[in-house]
């Protein structure tokens, strides 16, 4: 999925609504990213629709998407969403949950997610670190591209050291 996102980014498209419901698997388990209905070109500079509504799904939005900073919408929102999907794959729930959309959006903007390995001790700590790097509040602290995320996941799969490091106490 991260490779598909990188391909879209190379063609100037930001998806803006990556979530489990927009990832389909074929009979062999190959994933396909779907529903580019909220996608936009990188050059466009608005995070709001004509009716001034936020676009995307709250649980998978990046902070800059959730707080309406339309001028800050870059490919980094898709990297964040990939991290949110990975988080749900690892823990069984999105990184930010709440009883209302407002509560979820507040969490996205103001709270740090619980590390996946804390919720599920069987989750590898390096994989947990990769996931949390995608979910950084500041876009500049996330992976610089979906391709960088792919490369990091490949390092992890191959048992090589990852580049991301957890924040020390």
C-alpha atoms as a PDB file:
ATOM      1  CA  UNK A   1       0.000   0.000   0.000  1.00  0.00           C
ATOM      2  CA  UNK A   2       2.855   2.384   0.794  1.00  0.00           C
ATOM      3  CA  UNK A   3       4.293   1.689  -2.663  1.00  0.00           C
ATOM      4  CA  UNK A   4       0.928   2.595  -4.244  1.00  0.00           C
ATOM      5  CA  UNK A   5       0.851   5.799  -2.186  1.00  0.00           C
ATOM      6  CA  UNK A   6       4.380   6.638  -3.296  1.00  0.00           C
ATOM      7  CA  UNK A   7       3.345   6.067  -6.929  1.00  0.00           C
ATOM      8  CA  UNK A   8       0.415   8.471  -6.479  1.00  0.00           C
ATOM      9  CA  UNK A   9       2.712  11.034  -4.851  1.00  0.00           C
ATOM     10  CA  UNK A  10       5.169  10.763  -7.750  1.00  0.00           C
ATOM     11  CA  UNK A  11       2.269  11.745 -10.001  1.00  0.00           C
ATOM     12  CA  UNK A  12       1.350  14.714  -7.811  1.00  0.00           C
ATOM     13  CA  UNK A  13      -1.648  13.142  -6.071  1.00  0.00           C
ATOM     14  CA  UNK A  14      -2.355  13.149  -2.326  1.00  0.00           C
ATOM     15  CA  UNK A  15      -4.985  10.536  -1.351  1.00  0.00           C
ATOM     16  CA  UNK A  16      -6.150  12.216   1.912  1.00  0.00           C
ATOM     17  CA  UNK A  17      -8.367   9.311   3.030  1.00  0.00           C
ATOM     18  CA  UNK A  18      -6.184   6.241   3.495  1.00  0.00           C
ATOM     19  CA  UNK A  19      -7.973   3.895   5.873  1.00  0.00           C
ATOM     20  CA  UNK A  20      -8.592   0.145   6.153  1.00  0.00           C
ATOM     21  CA  UNK A  21     -11.896   0.476   4.292  1.00  0.00           C
ATOM     22  CA  UNK A  22     -10.043   1.865   1.275  1.00  0.00           C
ATOM     23  CA  UNK A  23      -7.618  -1.058   1.080  1.00  0.00           C
ATOM     24  CA  UNK A  24      -8.937  -4.104  -0.743  1.00  0.00           C
ATOM     25  CA  UNK A  25      -7.264  -7.508  -0.885  1.00  0.00           C
ATOM     26  CA  UNK A  26      -7.467  -9.848  -3.873  1.00  0.00           C
ATOM     27  CA  UNK A  27      -7.699 -13.639  -3.593  1.00  0.00           C
ATOM     28  CA  UNK A  28      -3.941 -13.943  -3.104  1.00  0.00           C
ATOM     29  CA  UNK A  29      -3.827 -11.260  -0.386  1.00  0.00           C
ATOM     30  CA  UNK A  30      -2.389  -8.528  -2.636  1.00  0.00           C
ATOM     31  CA  UNK A  31      -3.577  -5.127  -1.359  1.00  0.00           C
ATOM     32  CA  UNK A  32      -5.059  -2.417  -3.572  1.00  0.00           C
ATOM     33  CA  UNK A  33      -5.591   1.191  -2.530  1.00  0.00           C
ATOM     34  CA  UNK A  34      -9.010   2.448  -3.625  1.00  0.00           C
ATOM     35  CA  UNK A  35     -11.328   5.442  -3.380  1.00  0.00           C
ATOM     36  CA  UNK A  36      -9.419   8.444  -4.612  1.00  0.00           C
ATOM     37  CA  UNK A  37     -12.604  10.519  -4.264  1.00  0.00           C
ATOM     38  CA  UNK A  38     -11.002  12.924  -1.783  1.00  0.00           C
ATOM     39  CA  UNK A  39      -7.629  12.983  -3.511  1.00  0.00           C
ATOM     40  CA  UNK A  40      -6.178  16.224  -4.783  1.00  0.00           C
ATOM     41  CA  UNK A  41      -3.135  17.406  -6.641  1.00  0.00           C
ATOM     42  CA  UNK A  42      -0.136  18.472  -4.548  1.00  0.00           C
ATOM     43  CA  UNK A  43      -0.281  21.991  -6.025  1.00  0.00           C
ATOM     44  CA  UNK A  44      -3.800  22.644  -4.695  1.00  0.00           C
ATOM     45  CA  UNK A  45      -3.660  24.522  -1.418  1.00  0.00           C
ATOM     46  CA  UNK A  46      -6.869  23.816   0.473  1.00  0.00           C
ATOM     47  CA  UNK A  47      -7.757  21.185   3.061  1.00  0.00           C
ATOM     48  CA  UNK A  48     -11.407  22.192   3.065  1.00  0.00           C
ATOM     49  CA  UNK A  49     -14.236  21.464   0.693  1.00  0.00           C
ATOM     50  CA  UNK A  50     -16.336  24.230  -0.757  1.00  0.00           C
ATOM     51  CA  UNK A  51     -18.655  23.960   2.235  1.00  0.00           C
ATOM     52  CA  UNK A  52     -15.695  24.372   4.633  1.00  0.00           C
ATOM     53  CA  UNK A  53     -15.856  20.800   5.901  1.00  0.00           C
ATOM     54  CA  UNK A  54     -12.745  18.830   6.748  1.00  0.00           C
ATOM     55  CA  UNK A  55     -12.066  15.970   4.358  1.00  0.00           C
ATOM     56  CA  UNK A  56     -10.928  12.528   5.393  1.00  0.00           C
ATOM     57  CA  UNK A  57     -11.740  10.072   8.166  1.00  0.00           C
ATOM     58  CA  UNK A  58     -11.034  11.403  11.662  1.00  0.00           C
ATOM     59  CA  UNK A  59      -9.243   8.305  13.042  1.00  0.00           C
ATOM     60  CA  UNK A  60      -6.692   8.384  10.200  1.00  0.00           C
ATOM     61  CA  UNK A  61      -6.206  12.143   9.740  1.00  0.00           C
ATOM     62  CA  UNK A  62      -2.897  13.861  10.337  1.00  0.00           C
ATOM     63  CA  UNK A  63      -2.934  16.755  12.827  1.00  0.00           C
ATOM     64  CA  UNK A  64      -2.494  19.344  10.066  1.00  0.00           C
ATOM     65  CA  UNK A  65      -5.504  17.842   8.305  1.00  0.00           C
ATOM     66  CA  UNK A  66      -7.612  17.574  11.478  1.00  0.00           C
ATOM     67  CA  UNK A  67      -7.140  21.177  12.561  1.00  0.00           C
ATOM     68  CA  UNK A  68      -7.980  22.648   9.161  1.00  0.00           C
ATOM     69  CA  UNK A  69      -4.543  23.990   8.246  1.00  0.00           C
ATOM     70  CA  UNK A  70      -5.240  23.513   4.552  1.00  0.00           C
ATOM     71  CA  UNK A  71      -2.031  25.214   3.488  1.00  0.00           C
ATOM     72  CA  UNK A  72      -0.072  22.530   5.343  1.00  0.00           C
ATOM     73  CA  UNK A  73      -1.567  19.553   3.482  1.00  0.00           C
ATOM     74  CA  UNK A  74       1.313  17.686   1.855  1.00  0.00           C
ATOM     75  CA  UNK A  75       2.175  14.084   1.084  1.00  0.00           C
ATOM     76  CA  UNK A  76       3.006  13.803   4.808  1.00  0.00           C
ATOM     77  CA  UNK A  77      -0.728  13.402   5.562  1.00  0.00           C
ATOM     78  CA  UNK A  78      -0.703  10.141   3.628  1.00  0.00           C
ATOM     79  CA  UNK A  79       2.406   8.931   5.487  1.00  0.00           C
ATOM     80  CA  UNK A  80       0.566   9.666   8.737  1.00  0.00           C
ATOM     81  CA  UNK A  81      -2.493   7.735   7.512  1.00  0.00           C
ATOM     82  CA  UNK A  82      -0.304   4.764   6.549  1.00  0.00           C
ATOM     83  CA  UNK A  83       1.002   4.811  10.114  1.00  0.00           C
ATOM     84  CA  UNK A  84      -2.549   4.914  11.479  1.00  0.00           C
ATOM     85  CA  UNK A  85      -3.489   1.884   9.361  1.00  0.00           C
ATOM     86  CA  UNK A  86      -0.347   0.055  10.508  1.00  0.00           C
ATOM     87  CA  UNK A  87      -1.213   0.960  14.104  1.00  0.00           C
ATOM     88  CA  UNK A  88      -4.656  -0.588  13.726  1.00  0.00           C
ATOM     89  CA  UNK A  89      -3.135  -3.704  12.142  1.00  0.00           C
ATOM     90  CA  UNK A  90      -0.795  -4.065  15.121  1.00  0.00           C
ATOM     91  CA  UNK A  91      -3.210  -3.211  17.941  1.00  0.00           C
ATOM     92  CA  UNK A  92      -6.708  -3.881  16.639  1.00  0.00           C
ATOM     93  CA  UNK A  93      -7.775  -0.253  17.039  1.00  0.00           C
ATOM     94  CA  UNK A  94      -6.982   3.161  15.530  1.00  0.00           C
ATOM     95  CA  UNK A  95      -4.341   5.280  17.287  1.00  0.00           C
ATOM     96  CA  UNK A  96      -6.937   7.817  18.457  1.00  0.00           C
ATOM     97  CA  UNK A  97     -10.392   6.857  19.657  1.00  0.00           C
ATOM     98  CA  UNK A  98     -13.188   8.796  21.273  1.00  0.00           C
ATOM     99  CA  UNK A  99     -16.927   9.060  21.780  1.00  0.00           C
ATOM    100  CA  UNK A 100     -17.300  11.827  19.197  1.00  0.00           C
ATOM    101  CA  UNK A 101     -15.543  13.129  16.120  1.00  0.00           C
ATOM    102  CA  UNK A 102     -14.491  16.213  18.097  1.00  0.00           C
ATOM    103  CA  UNK A 103     -12.878  14.018  20.765  1.00  0.00           C
ATOM    104  CA  UNK A 104     -11.028  11.975  18.132  1.00  0.00           C
ATOM    105  CA  UNK A 105      -9.820  15.113  16.321  1.00  0.00           C
ATOM    106  CA  UNK A 106      -8.633  16.601  19.635  1.00  0.00           C
ATOM    107  CA  UNK A 107      -6.647  13.415  20.267  1.00  0.00           C
ATOM    108  CA  UNK A 108      -5.150  13.522  16.775  1.00  0.00           C
ATOM    109  CA  UNK A 109      -4.014  17.118  17.347  1.00  0.00           C
ATOM    110  CA  UNK A 110      -3.043  17.058  21.019  1.00  0.00           C
ATOM    111  CA  UNK A 111      -2.321  13.527  22.283  1.00  0.00           C
ATOM    112  CA  UNK A 112       0.424  11.024  21.644  1.00  0.00           C
ATOM    113  CA  UNK A 113      -0.729   7.529  20.741  1.00  0.00           C
ATOM    114  CA  UNK A 114       0.032   4.697  23.125  1.00  0.00           C
ATOM    115  CA  UNK A 115       2.923   2.716  21.661  1.00  0.00           C
ATOM    116  CA  UNK A 116       1.661  -0.416  19.890  1.00  0.00           C
ATOM    117  CA  UNK A 117       3.980  -2.654  21.918  1.00  0.00           C
ATOM    118  CA  UNK A 118       2.464  -1.270  25.122  1.00  0.00           C
ATOM    119  CA  UNK A 119      -1.057  -2.239  24.036  1.00  0.00           C
ATOM    120  CA  UNK A 120       0.101  -5.551  22.563  1.00  0.00           C
ATOM    121  CA  UNK A 121       3.397  -6.749  24.116  1.00  0.00           C
ATOM    122  CA  UNK A 122       3.925  -9.258  21.290  1.00  0.00           C
ATOM    123  CA  UNK A 123       4.435  -6.369  18.821  1.00  0.00           C
ATOM    124  CA  UNK A 124       8.102  -5.979  17.926  1.00  0.00           C
ATOM    125  CA  UNK A 125       9.524  -2.748  19.380  1.00  0.00           C
ATOM    126  CA  UNK A 126      11.219  -1.737  16.117  1.00  0.00           C
ATOM    127  CA  UNK A 127       7.934  -2.128  14.262  1.00  0.00           C
ATOM    128  CA  UNK A 128       6.251  -0.108  16.993  1.00  0.00           C
ATOM    129  CA  UNK A 129       8.911   2.598  16.510  1.00  0.00           C
ATOM    130  CA  UNK A 130       8.346   2.652  12.740  1.00  0.00           C
ATOM    131  CA  UNK A 131       4.620   3.054  13.304  1.00  0.00           C
ATOM    132  CA  UNK A 132       5.062   5.889  15.813  1.00  0.00           C
ATOM    133  CA  UNK A 133       7.435   7.752  13.473  1.00  0.00           C
ATOM    134  CA  UNK A 134       4.626   7.840  10.895  1.00  0.00           C
ATOM    135  CA  UNK A 135       2.319   9.275  13.550  1.00  0.00           C
ATOM    136  CA  UNK A 136       4.574  12.155  14.611  1.00  0.00           C
ATOM    137  CA  UNK A 137       2.665  15.422  15.111  1.00  0.00           C
ATOM    138  CA  UNK A 138       5.122  17.456  13.034  1.00  0.00           C
ATOM    139  CA  UNK A 139       5.183  16.414   9.377  1.00  0.00           C
ATOM    140  CA  UNK A 140       8.956  17.004   9.239  1.00  0.00           C
ATOM    141  CA  UNK A 141       9.471  14.287  11.883  1.00  0.00           C
ATOM    142  CA  UNK A 142       7.626  11.624   9.854  1.00  0.00           C
ATOM    143  CA  UNK A 143       9.195   9.614   7.053  1.00  0.00           C
ATOM    144  CA  UNK A 144       9.964  12.004   4.199  1.00  0.00           C
ATOM    145  CA  UNK A 145       8.048   9.864   1.728  1.00  0.00           C
ATOM    146  CA  UNK A 146       5.961   6.733   1.486  1.00  0.00           C
ATOM    147  CA  UNK A 147       8.968   5.168  -0.272  1.00  0.00           C
ATOM    148  CA  UNK A 148      11.118   5.890   2.801  1.00  0.00           C
ATOM    149  CA  UNK A 149       8.527   4.034   4.864  1.00  0.00           C
ATOM    150  CA  UNK A 150       8.671   1.088   2.420  1.00  0.00           C
ATOM    151  CA  UNK A 151      12.470   0.993   2.736  1.00  0.00           C
ATOM    152  CA  UNK A 152      12.268   1.090   6.539  1.00  0.00           C
ATOM    153  CA  UNK A 153       9.727  -1.740   6.610  1.00  0.00           C
ATOM    154  CA  UNK A 154      11.978  -3.773   4.310  1.00  0.00           C
ATOM    155  CA  UNK A 155      14.926  -3.224   6.689  1.00  0.00           C
ATOM    156  CA  UNK A 156      12.747  -4.453   9.552  1.00  0.00           C
ATOM    157  CA  UNK A 157      11.517  -7.495   7.572  1.00  0.00           C
ATOM    158  CA  UNK A 158      15.089  -8.439   6.693  1.00  0.00           C
ATOM    159  CA  UNK A 159      16.215  -8.129  10.322  1.00  0.00           C
ATOM    160  CA  UNK A 160      18.476  -5.174   9.572  1.00  0.00           C
ATOM    161  CA  UNK A 161      18.663  -2.161  11.914  1.00  0.00           C
ATOM    162  CA  UNK A 162      15.957   0.424  11.302  1.00  0.00           C
ATOM    163  CA  UNK A 163      16.808   4.100  10.925  1.00  0.00           C
ATOM    164  CA  UNK A 164      14.055   5.380  13.221  1.00  0.00           C
ATOM    165  CA  UNK A 165      14.894   5.374  16.876  1.00  0.00           C
ATOM    166  CA  UNK A 166      12.485   5.641  19.780  1.00  0.00           C
ATOM    167  CA  UNK A 167      12.649   8.800  21.857  1.00  0.00           C
ATOM    168  CA  UNK A 168      14.586   8.071  25.023  1.00  0.00           C
ATOM    169  CA  UNK A 169      13.239   8.813  28.481  1.00  0.00           C
END
